[in-house]
Amino acid sequence: MNMPSPNPSTTEQQQQPAEAAAAAAAAAADFAKAFEELTKGEKTASAMEDQLTALERKLDELLEGAEEKIERTLEGAGERMEEAFEGRGGGGRGEEGEGEARGQ
């Protein structure tokens, strides 16, 4: 008794949609994983930007405070230098400077 052999083209045709469906499912899973990783990366980047913004504000505050302190220090030093020079009689301007300073 001869049994009819299955038609290879029919078997292949049946396997192709199953293989295509499996490939499509694998591609969709890969896409979903990539999208999830991208979303996670965007959240991480956003958090880092927020931290950098806060750090920038803190640095600006520190620099402003340092600049104010430097200005006050320099002003105080300048005043002390003026007082020291005035105590010496004109601060070493020479004979002409002393006469001009005294209104002579």
PDB file of N, CA and C in Angstrom:
ATOM      1  N   MET A   1       0.798  -1.155   0.000  1.00  0.00           N
ATOM      2  CA  MET A   1       0.000   0.000   0.000  1.00  0.00           C
ATOM      3  C   MET A   1       0.867   1.254   0.000  1.00  0.00           C
ATOM      4  N   ASN A   2       0.613   2.025  -0.939  1.00  0.00           N
ATOM      5  CA  ASN A   2       1.381   3.254  -1.073  1.00  0.00           C
ATOM      6  C   ASN A   2       0.622   4.385  -0.403  1.00  0.00           C
ATOM      7  N   MET A   3       1.337   5.025   0.495  1.00  0.00           N
ATOM      8  CA  MET A   3       0.740   6.165   1.172  1.00  0.00           C
ATOM      9  C   MET A   3       1.171   7.420   0.426  1.00  0.00           C
ATOM     10  N   PRO A   4       0.253   8.302   0.283  1.00  0.00           N
ATOM     11  CA  PRO A   4       0.661   9.513  -0.422  1.00  0.00           C
ATOM     12  C   PRO A   4       1.636  10.319   0.433  1.00  0.00           C
ATOM     13  N   SER A   5       2.686  10.733  -0.156  1.00  0.00           N
ATOM     14  CA  SER A   5       3.670  11.538   0.566  1.00  0.00           C
ATOM     15  C   SER A   5       3.163  12.971   0.662  1.00  0.00           C
ATOM     16  N   PRO A   6       3.462  13.599   1.795  1.00  0.00           N
ATOM     17  CA  PRO A   6       2.994  14.986   1.936  1.00  0.00           C
ATOM     18  C   PRO A   6       3.654  15.876   0.904  1.00  0.00           C
ATOM     19  N   ASN A   7       2.906  16.810   0.451  1.00  0.00           N
ATOM     20  CA  ASN A   7       3.402  17.753  -0.539  1.00  0.00           C
ATOM     21  C   ASN A   7       4.364  18.710   0.157  1.00  0.00           C
ATOM     22  N   PRO A   8       5.664  18.730  -0.228  1.00  0.00           N
ATOM     23  CA  PRO A   8       6.628  19.600   0.446  1.00  0.00           C
ATOM     24  C   PRO A   8       6.254  21.068   0.335  1.00  0.00           C
ATOM     25  N   SER A   9       5.694  21.442  -0.727  1.00  0.00           N
ATOM     26  CA  SER A   9       5.353  22.847  -0.860  1.00  0.00           C
ATOM     27  C   SER A   9       4.241  23.226   0.112  1.00  0.00           C
ATOM     28  N   THR A  10       3.314  22.346   0.400  1.00  0.00           N
ATOM     29  CA  THR A  10       2.255  22.627   1.356  1.00  0.00           C
ATOM     30  C   THR A  10       2.836  22.692   2.754  1.00  0.00           C
ATOM     31  N   THR A  11       3.737  21.812   3.113  1.00  0.00           N
ATOM     32  CA  THR A  11       4.376  21.810   4.422  1.00  0.00           C
ATOM     33  C   THR A  11       5.195  23.085   4.607  1.00  0.00           C
ATOM     34  N   GLU A  12       5.916  23.432   3.587  1.00  0.00           N
ATOM     35  CA  GLU A  12       6.715  24.663   3.654  1.00  0.00           C
ATOM     36  C   GLU A  12       5.820  25.887   3.799  1.00  0.00           C
ATOM     37  N   GLN A  13       4.719  25.872   3.095  1.00  0.00           N
ATOM     38  CA  GLN A  13       3.796  26.999   3.176  1.00  0.00           C
ATOM     39  C   GLN A  13       3.188  27.116   4.571  1.00  0.00           C
ATOM     40  N   GLN A  14       2.983  26.001   5.220  1.00  0.00           N
ATOM     41  CA  GLN A  14       2.431  26.011   6.563  1.00  0.00           C
ATOM     42  C   GLN A  14       3.476  26.473   7.569  1.00  0.00           C
ATOM     43  N   GLN A  15       4.727  26.123   7.358  1.00  0.00           N
ATOM     44  CA  GLN A  15       5.793  26.505   8.280  1.00  0.00           C
ATOM     45  C   GLN A  15       6.160  27.979   8.146  1.00  0.00           C
ATOM     46  N   GLN A  16       6.065  28.535   6.964  1.00  0.00           N
ATOM     47  CA  GLN A  16       6.446  29.925   6.745  1.00  0.00           C
ATOM     48  C   GLN A  16       5.625  30.896   7.597  1.00  0.00           C
ATOM     49  N   PRO A  17       4.324  30.798   7.651  1.00  0.00           N
ATOM     50  CA  PRO A  17       3.585  31.727   8.513  1.00  0.00           C
ATOM     51  C   PRO A  17       3.943  31.557   9.985  1.00  0.00           C
ATOM     52  N   ALA A  18       4.174  30.341  10.419  1.00  0.00           N
ATOM     53  CA  ALA A  18       4.539  30.111  11.820  1.00  0.00           C
ATOM     54  C   ALA A  18       5.905  30.724  12.107  1.00  0.00           C
ATOM     55  N   GLU A  19       6.856  30.551  11.203  1.00  0.00           N
ATOM     56  CA  GLU A  19       8.189  31.132  11.372  1.00  0.00           C
ATOM     57  C   GLU A  19       8.120  32.657  11.326  1.00  0.00           C
ATOM     58  N   ALA A  20       7.305  33.171  10.421  1.00  0.00           N
ATOM     59  CA  ALA A  20       7.146  34.623  10.311  1.00  0.00           C
ATOM     60  C   ALA A  20       6.499  35.188  11.572  1.00  0.00           C
ATOM     61  N   ALA A  21       5.530  34.476  12.117  1.00  0.00           N
ATOM     62  CA  ALA A  21       4.873  34.928  13.346  1.00  0.00           C
ATOM     63  C   ALA A  21       5.854  34.902  14.508  1.00  0.00           C
ATOM     64  N   ALA A  22       6.681  33.854  14.572  1.00  0.00           N
ATOM     65  CA  ALA A  22       7.677  33.759  15.641  1.00  0.00           C
ATOM     66  C   ALA A  22       8.712  34.874  15.511  1.00  0.00           C
ATOM     67  N   ALA A  23       9.143  35.145  14.276  1.00  0.00           N
ATOM     68  CA  ALA A  23      10.114  36.225  14.041  1.00  0.00           C
ATOM     69  C   ALA A  23       9.502  37.577  14.395  1.00  0.00           C
ATOM     70  N   ALA A  24       8.238  37.759  14.040  1.00  0.00           N
ATOM     71  CA  ALA A  24       7.566  39.020  14.359  1.00  0.00           C
ATOM     72  C   ALA A  24       7.424  39.187  15.870  1.00  0.00           C
ATOM     73  N   ALA A  25       7.095  38.095  16.561  1.00  0.00           N
ATOM     74  CA  ALA A  25       6.972  38.155  18.020  1.00  0.00           C
ATOM     75  C   ALA A  25       8.324  38.470  18.656  1.00  0.00           C
ATOM     76  N   ALA A  26       9.400  37.860  18.137  1.00  0.00           N
ATOM     77  CA  ALA A  26      10.740  38.133  18.670  1.00  0.00           C
ATOM     78  C   ALA A  26      11.131  39.588  18.409  1.00  0.00           C
ATOM     79  N   ALA A  27      10.812  40.097  17.229  1.00  0.00           N
ATOM     80  CA  ALA A  27      11.132  41.491  16.897  1.00  0.00           C
ATOM     81  C   ALA A  27      10.338  42.442  17.788  1.00  0.00           C
ATOM     82  N   ALA A  28       9.073  42.112  18.037  1.00  0.00           N
ATOM     83  CA  ALA A  28       8.251  42.960  18.904  1.00  0.00           C
ATOM     84  C   ALA A  28       8.796  42.956  20.328  1.00  0.00           C
ATOM     85  N   ALA A  29       9.247  41.792  20.786  1.00  0.00           N
ATOM     86  CA  ALA A  29       9.825  41.707  22.133  1.00  0.00           C
ATOM     87  C   ALA A  29      11.118  42.514  22.207  1.00  0.00           C
ATOM     88  N   ASP A  30      11.939  42.421  21.169  1.00  0.00           N
ATOM     89  CA  ASP A  30      13.177  43.205  21.129  1.00  0.00           C
ATOM     90  C   ASP A  30      12.874  44.702  21.114  1.00  0.00           C
ATOM     91  N   PHE A  31      11.869  45.083  20.325  1.00  0.00           N
ATOM     92  CA  PHE A  31      11.478  46.487  20.254  1.00  0.00           C
ATOM     93  C   PHE A  31      10.976  46.971  21.609  1.00  0.00           C
ATOM     94  N   ALA A  32      10.170  46.159  22.277  1.00  0.00           N
ATOM     95  CA  ALA A  32       9.643  46.537  23.592  1.00  0.00           C
ATOM     96  C   ALA A  32      10.773  46.700  24.599  1.00  0.00           C
ATOM     97  N   LYS A  33      11.745  45.794  24.544  1.00  0.00           N
ATOM     98  CA  LYS A  33      12.881  45.891  25.468  1.00  0.00           C
ATOM     99  C   LYS A  33      13.708  47.147  25.167  1.00  0.00           C
ATOM    100  N   ALA A  34      13.944  47.427  23.896  1.00  0.00           N
ATOM    101  CA  ALA A  34      14.707  48.623  23.519  1.00  0.00           C
ATOM    102  C   ALA A  34      13.970  49.886  23.955  1.00  0.00           C
ATOM    103  N   PHE A  35      12.665  49.898  23.774  1.00  0.00           N
ATOM    104  CA  PHE A  35      11.868  51.057  24.177  1.00  0.00           C
ATOM    105  C   PHE A  35      11.921  51.242  25.694  1.00  0.00           C
ATOM    106  N   GLU A  36      11.851  50.147  26.430  1.00  0.00           N
ATOM    107  CA  GLU A  36      11.936  50.202  27.897  1.00  0.00           C
ATOM    108  C   GLU A  36      13.285  50.750  28.344  1.00  0.00           C
ATOM    109  N   GLU A  37      14.355  50.291  27.696  1.00  0.00           N
ATOM    110  CA  GLU A  37      15.698  50.783  28.035  1.00  0.00           C
ATOM    111  C   GLU A  37      15.842  52.259  27.678  1.00  0.00           C
ATOM    112  N   LEU A  38      15.259  52.654  26.560  1.00  0.00           N
ATOM    113  CA  LEU A  38      15.302  54.062  26.147  1.00  0.00           C
ATOM    114  C   LEU A  38      14.566  54.932  27.156  1.00  0.00           C
ATOM    115  N   THR A  39      13.406  54.484  27.592  1.00  0.00           N
ATOM    116  CA  THR A  39      12.633  55.230  28.581  1.00  0.00           C
ATOM    117  C   THR A  39      13.412  55.348  29.890  1.00  0.00           C
ATOM    118  N   LYS A  40      14.036  54.259  30.294  1.00  0.00           N
ATOM    119  CA  LYS A  40      14.851  54.283  31.516  1.00  0.00           C
ATOM    120  C   LYS A  40      16.013  55.264  31.363  1.00  0.00           C
ATOM    121  N   GLY A  41      16.657  55.261  30.196  1.00  0.00           N
ATOM    122  CA  GLY A  41      17.761  56.188  29.937  1.00  0.00           C
ATOM    123  C   GLY A  41      17.316  57.635  29.968  1.00  0.00           C
ATOM    124  N   GLU A  42      16.132  57.903  29.411  1.00  0.00           N
ATOM    125  CA  GLU A  42      15.608  59.271  29.424  1.00  0.00           C
ATOM    126  C   GLU A  42      15.309  59.736  30.842  1.00  0.00           C
ATOM    127  N   LYS A  43      14.768  58.846  31.665  1.00  0.00           N
ATOM    128  CA  LYS A  43      14.498  59.200  33.058  1.00  0.00           C
ATOM    129  C   LYS A  43      15.801  59.474  33.803  1.00  0.00           C
ATOM    130  N   THR A  44      16.815  58.659  33.539  1.00  0.00           N
ATOM    131  CA  THR A  44      18.124  58.865  34.176  1.00  0.00           C
ATOM    132  C   THR A  44      18.722  60.200  33.738  1.00  0.00           C
ATOM    133  N   ALA A  45      18.632  60.496  32.445  1.00  0.00           N
ATOM    134  CA  ALA A  45      19.169  61.761  31.930  1.00  0.00           C
ATOM    135  C   ALA A  45      18.431  62.951  32.538  1.00  0.00           C
ATOM    136  N   SER A  46      17.130  62.837  32.664  1.00  0.00           N
ATOM    137  CA  SER A  46      16.347  63.925  33.256  1.00  0.00           C
ATOM    138  C   SER A  46      16.741  64.152  34.715  1.00  0.00           C
ATOM    139  N   ALA A  47      16.924  63.061  35.448  1.00  0.00           N
ATOM    140  CA  ALA A  47      17.339  63.179  36.849  1.00  0.00           C
ATOM    141  C   ALA A  47      18.723  63.818  36.942  1.00  0.00           C
ATOM    142  N   MET A  48      19.622  63.438  36.044  1.00  0.00           N
ATOM    143  CA  MET A  48      20.965  64.023  36.053  1.00  0.00           C
ATOM    144  C   MET A  48      20.915  65.510  35.723  1.00  0.00           C
ATOM    145  N   GLU A  49      20.055  65.899  34.777  1.00  0.00           N
ATOM    146  CA  GLU A  49      19.913  67.317  34.440  1.00  0.00           C
ATOM    147  C   GLU A  49      19.409  68.105  35.637  1.00  0.00           C
ATOM    148  N   ASP A  50      18.453  67.534  36.373  1.00  0.00           N
ATOM    149  CA  ASP A  50      17.947  68.205  37.574  1.00  0.00           C
ATOM    150  C   ASP A  50      19.051  68.372  38.611  1.00  0.00           C
ATOM    151  N   GLN A  51      19.868  67.341  38.784  1.00  0.00           N
ATOM    152  CA  GLN A  51      20.963  67.414  39.748  1.00  0.00           C
ATOM    153  C   GLN A  51      21.996  68.443  39.303  1.00  0.00           C
ATOM    154  N   LEU A  52      22.292  68.487  38.015  1.00  0.00           N
ATOM    155  CA  LEU A  52      23.253  69.478  37.516  1.00  0.00           C
ATOM    156  C   LEU A  52      22.728  70.899  37.674  1.00  0.00           C
ATOM    157  N   THR A  53      21.440  71.094  37.451  1.00  0.00           N
ATOM    158  CA  THR A  53      20.838  72.417  37.635  1.00  0.00           C
ATOM    159  C   THR A  53      20.964  72.849  39.092  1.00  0.00           C
ATOM    160  N   ALA A  54      20.680  71.926  40.015  1.00  0.00           N
ATOM    161  CA  ALA A  54      20.807  72.244  41.441  1.00  0.00           C
ATOM    162  C   ALA A  54      22.261  72.544  41.789  1.00  0.00           C
ATOM    163  N   LEU A  55      23.183  71.798  41.221  1.00  0.00           N
ATOM    164  CA  LEU A  55      24.608  72.033  41.471  1.00  0.00           C
ATOM    165  C   LEU A  55      25.031  73.389  40.924  1.00  0.00           C
ATOM    166  N   GLU A  56      24.536  73.742  39.738  1.00  0.00           N
ATOM    167  CA  GLU A  56      24.845  75.058  39.165  1.00  0.00           C
ATOM    168  C   GLU A  56      24.371  76.183  40.074  1.00  0.00           C
ATOM    169  N   ARG A  57      23.132  76.045  40.586  1.00  0.00           N
ATOM    170  CA  ARG A  57      22.609  77.071  41.494  1.00  0.00           C
ATOM    171  C   ARG A  57      23.494  77.198  42.725  1.00  0.00           C
ATOM    172  N   LYS A  58      23.896  76.068  43.290  1.00  0.00           N
ATOM    173  CA  LYS A  58      24.733  76.077  44.492  1.00  0.00           C
ATOM    174  C   LYS A  58      26.087  76.737  44.186  1.00  0.00           C
ATOM    175  N   LEU A  59      26.675  76.402  43.045  1.00  0.00           N
ATOM    176  CA  LEU A  59      27.953  77.012  42.665  1.00  0.00           C
ATOM    177  C   LEU A  59      27.804  78.518  42.464  1.00  0.00           C
ATOM    178  N   ASP A  60      26.702  78.936  41.832  1.00  0.00           N
ATOM    179  CA  ASP A  60      26.464  80.372  41.650  1.00  0.00           C
ATOM    180  C   ASP A  60      26.369  81.089  42.997  1.00  0.00           C
ATOM    181  N   GLU A  61      25.667  80.458  43.944  1.00  0.00           N
ATOM    182  CA  GLU A  61      25.538  81.060  45.276  1.00  0.00           C
ATOM    183  C   GLU A  61      26.904  81.154  45.964  1.00  0.00           C
ATOM    184  N   LEU A  62      27.692  80.088  45.852  1.00  0.00           N
ATOM    185  CA  LEU A  62      29.021  80.097  46.476  1.00  0.00           C
ATOM    186  C   LEU A  62      29.924  81.149  45.844  1.00  0.00           C
ATOM    187  N   LEU A  63      29.886  81.245  44.517  1.00  0.00           N
ATOM    188  CA  LEU A  63      30.710  82.247  43.831  1.00  0.00           C
ATOM    189  C   LEU A  63      30.286  83.660  44.193  1.00  0.00           C
ATOM    190  N   GLU A  64      28.988  83.886  44.257  1.00  0.00           N
ATOM    191  CA  GLU A  64      28.503  85.210  44.624  1.00  0.00           C
ATOM    192  C   GLU A  64      28.959  85.571  46.034  1.00  0.00           C
ATOM    193  N   GLY A  65      28.844  84.623  46.946  1.00  0.00           N
ATOM    194  CA  GLY A  65      29.292  84.870  48.320  1.00  0.00           C
ATOM    195  C   GLY A  65      30.787  85.127  48.397  1.00  0.00           C
ATOM    196  N   ALA A  66      31.552  84.364  47.601  1.00  0.00           N
ATOM    197  CA  ALA A  66      33.002  84.549  47.595  1.00  0.00           C
ATOM    198  C   ALA A  66      33.371  85.909  47.011  1.00  0.00           C
ATOM    199  N   GLU A  67      32.693  86.309  45.945  1.00  0.00           N
ATOM    200  CA  GLU A  67      32.973  87.613  45.336  1.00  0.00           C
ATOM    201  C   GLU A  67      32.668  88.747  46.305  1.00  0.00           C
ATOM    202  N   GLU A  68      31.553  88.634  47.015  1.00  0.00           N
ATOM    203  CA  GLU A  68      31.207  89.663  47.992  1.00  0.00           C
ATOM    204  C   GLU A  68      32.252  89.720  49.107  1.00  0.00           C
ATOM    205  N   LYS A  69      32.697  88.562  49.557  1.00  0.00           N
ATOM    206  CA  LYS A  69      33.699  88.528  50.622  1.00  0.00           C
ATOM    207  C   LYS A  69      35.022  89.124  50.140  1.00  0.00           C
ATOM    208  N   ILE A  70      35.404  88.824  48.919  1.00  0.00           N
ATOM    209  CA  ILE A  70      36.641  89.374  48.359  1.00  0.00           C
ATOM    210  C   ILE A  70      36.534  90.896  48.254  1.00  0.00           C
ATOM    211  N   GLU A  71      35.391  91.380  47.771  1.00  0.00           N
ATOM    212  CA  GLU A  71      35.200  92.826  47.656  1.00  0.00           C
ATOM    213  C   GLU A  71      35.285  93.499  49.022  1.00  0.00           C
ATOM    214  N   ARG A  72      34.620  92.926  50.017  1.00  0.00           N
ATOM    215  CA  ARG A  72      34.678  93.516  51.368  1.00  0.00           C
ATOM    216  C   ARG A  72      36.101  93.484  51.910  1.00  0.00           C
ATOM    217  N   THR A  73      36.805  92.400  51.664  1.00  0.00           N
ATOM    218  CA  THR A  73      38.186  92.286  52.141  1.00  0.00           C
ATOM    219  C   THR A  73      39.071  93.331  51.474  1.00  0.00           C
ATOM    220  N   LEU A  74      38.916  93.480  50.170  1.00  0.00           N
ATOM    221  CA  LEU A  74      39.730  94.461  49.447  1.00  0.00           C
ATOM    222  C   LEU A  74      39.388  95.885  49.867  1.00  0.00           C
ATOM    223  N   GLU A  75      38.108  96.158  50.070  1.00  0.00           N
ATOM    224  CA  GLU A  75      37.712  97.490  50.526  1.00  0.00           C
ATOM    225  C   GLU A  75      38.309  97.774  51.894  1.00  0.00           C
ATOM    226  N   GLY A  76      38.233  96.785  52.783  1.00  0.00           N
ATOM    227  CA  GLY A  76      38.805  96.961  54.120  1.00  0.00           C
ATOM    228  C   GLY A  76      40.308  97.149  54.072  1.00  0.00           C
ATOM    229  N   ALA A  77      40.968  96.396  53.214  1.00  0.00           N
ATOM    230  CA  ALA A  77      42.415  96.529  53.085  1.00  0.00           C
ATOM    231  C   ALA A  77      42.773  97.896  52.522  1.00  0.00           C
ATOM    232  N   GLY A  78      41.975  98.359  51.548  1.00  0.00           N
ATOM    233  CA  GLY A  78      42.231  99.677  50.970  1.00  0.00           C
ATOM    234  C   GLY A  78      42.063 100.774  52.003  1.00  0.00           C
ATOM    235  N   GLU A  79      41.031 100.656  52.824  1.00  0.00           N
ATOM    236  CA  GLU A  79      40.814 101.661  53.869  1.00  0.00           C
ATOM    237  C   GLU A  79      41.953 101.645  54.878  1.00  0.00           C
ATOM    238  N   ARG A  80      42.400 100.458  55.238  1.00  0.00           N
ATOM    239  CA  ARG A  80      43.526 100.371  56.197  1.00  0.00           C
ATOM    240  C   ARG A  80      44.798 100.941  55.590  1.00  0.00           C
ATOM    241  N   MET A  81      45.010 100.722  54.283  1.00  0.00           N
ATOM    242  CA  MET A  81      46.196 101.274  53.634  1.00  0.00           C
ATOM    243  C   MET A  81      46.115 102.801  53.592  1.00  0.00           C
ATOM    244  N   GLU A  82      44.931 103.338  53.288  1.00  0.00           N
ATOM    245  CA  GLU A  82      44.771 104.795  53.272  1.00  0.00           C
ATOM    246  C   GLU A  82      45.049 105.378  54.649  1.00  0.00           C
ATOM    247  N   GLU A  83      44.523 104.728  55.671  1.00  0.00           N
ATOM    248  CA  GLU A  83      44.752 105.204  57.032  1.00  0.00           C
ATOM    249  C   GLU A  83      46.237 105.157  57.377  1.00  0.00           C
ATOM    250  N   ALA A  84      46.913 104.105  56.948  1.00  0.00           N
ATOM    251  CA  ALA A  84      48.343 103.981  57.241  1.00  0.00           C
ATOM    252  C   ALA A  84      49.138 105.074  56.530  1.00  0.00           C
ATOM    253  N   PHE A  85      48.788 105.354  55.278  1.00  0.00           N
ATOM    254  CA  PHE A  85      49.491 106.390  54.534  1.00  0.00           C
ATOM    255  C   PHE A  85      49.183 107.768  55.086  1.00  0.00           C
ATOM    256  N   GLU A  86      47.955 108.000  55.472  1.00  0.00           N
ATOM    257  CA  GLU A  86      47.597 109.295  56.045  1.00  0.00           C
ATOM    258  C   GLU A  86      48.344 109.520  57.355  1.00  0.00           C
ATOM    259  N   GLY A  87      48.565 108.496  58.093  1.00  0.00           N
ATOM    260  CA  GLY A  87      49.305 108.597  59.349  1.00  0.00           C
ATOM    261  C   GLY A  87      50.764 108.936  59.122  1.00  0.00           C
ATOM    262  N   ARG A  88      51.272 108.698  57.937  1.00  0.00           N
ATOM    263  CA  ARG A  88      52.669 108.995  57.623  1.00  0.00           C
ATOM    264  C   ARG A  88      52.824 110.385  57.032  1.00  0.00           C
ATOM    265  N   GLY A  89      51.749 111.068  56.855  1.00  0.00           N
ATOM    266  CA  GLY A  89      51.874 112.431  56.310  1.00  0.00           C
ATOM    267  C   GLY A  89      51.806 112.464  54.811  1.00  0.00           C
ATOM    268  N   GLY A  90      50.849 111.794  54.212  1.00  0.00           N
ATOM    269  CA  GLY A  90      50.676 111.918  52.765  1.00  0.00           C
ATOM    270  C   GLY A  90      51.010 110.653  52.032  1.00  0.00           C
ATOM    271  N   GLY A  91      51.531 109.677  52.688  1.00  0.00           N
ATOM    272  CA  GLY A  91      51.743 108.394  52.058  1.00  0.00           C
ATOM    273  C   GLY A  91      52.847 108.357  51.044  1.00  0.00           C
ATOM    274  N   GLY A  92      53.917 109.099  51.255  1.00  0.00           N
ATOM    275  CA  GLY A  92      55.084 109.006  50.384  1.00  0.00           C
ATOM    276  C   GLY A  92      54.872 109.638  49.028  1.00  0.00           C
ATOM    277  N   ARG A  93      54.165 110.741  48.952  1.00  0.00           N
ATOM    278  CA  ARG A  93      53.940 111.402  47.671  1.00  0.00           C
ATOM    279  C   ARG A  93      55.132 112.289  47.300  1.00  0.00           C
ATOM    280  N   GLY A  94      56.017 112.454  48.189  1.00  0.00           N
ATOM    281  CA  GLY A  94      57.164 113.326  47.912  1.00  0.00           C
ATOM    282  C   GLY A  94      56.866 114.730  48.378  1.00  0.00           C
ATOM    283  N   GLU A  95      57.839 115.622  48.187  1.00  0.00           N
ATOM    284  CA  GLU A  95      57.680 116.989  48.669  1.00  0.00           C
ATOM    285  C   GLU A  95      56.578 117.733  47.929  1.00  0.00           C
ATOM    286  N   GLU A  96      56.458 117.525  46.622  1.00  0.00           N
ATOM    287  CA  GLU A  96      55.420 118.217  45.870  1.00  0.00           C
ATOM    288  C   GLU A  96      54.042 117.733  46.304  1.00  0.00           C
ATOM    289  N   GLY A  97      53.903 116.441  46.471  1.00  0.00           N
ATOM    290  CA  GLY A  97      52.632 115.885  46.870  1.00  0.00           C
ATOM    291  C   GLY A  97      52.203 116.384  48.223  1.00  0.00           C
ATOM    292  N   GLU A  98      53.145 116.541  49.138  1.00  0.00           N
ATOM    293  CA  GLU A  98      52.794 116.992  50.468  1.00  0.00           C
ATOM    294  C   GLU A  98      52.296 118.411  50.416  1.00  0.00           C
ATOM    295  N   GLY A  99      52.917 119.247  49.635  1.00  0.00           N
ATOM    296  CA  GLY A  99      52.499 120.651  49.507  1.00  0.00           C
ATOM    297  C   GLY A  99      51.116 120.752  48.896  1.00  0.00           C
ATOM    298  N   GLU A 100      50.860 119.950  47.887  1.00  0.00           N
ATOM    299  CA  GLU A 100      49.549 119.978  47.236  1.00  0.00           C
ATOM    300  C   GLU A 100      48.494 119.453  48.179  1.00  0.00           C
ATOM    301  N   ALA A 101      48.812 118.419  48.925  1.00  0.00           N
ATOM    302  CA  ALA A 101      47.829 117.842  49.833  1.00  0.00           C
ATOM    303  C   ALA A 101      47.475 118.810  50.960  1.00  0.00           C
ATOM    304  N   ARG A 102      48.425 119.638  51.376  1.00  0.00           N
ATOM    305  CA  ARG A 102      48.178 120.580  52.493  1.00  0.00           C
ATOM    306  C   ARG A 102      47.614 121.892  51.968  1.00  0.00           C
ATOM    307  N   GLY A 103      47.476 122.043  50.680  1.00  0.00           N
ATOM    308  CA  GLY A 103      46.928 123.279  50.112  1.00  0.00           C
ATOM    309  C   GLY A 103      47.954 124.386  50.024  1.00  0.00           C
ATOM    310  N   GLN A 104      49.199 124.078  49.922  1.00  0.00           N
ATOM    311  CA  GLN A 104      50.232 125.109  49.864  1.00  0.00           C
ATOM    312  C   GLN A 104      50.633 125.403  48.449  1.00  0.00           C
TER     313      GLN A 104
END
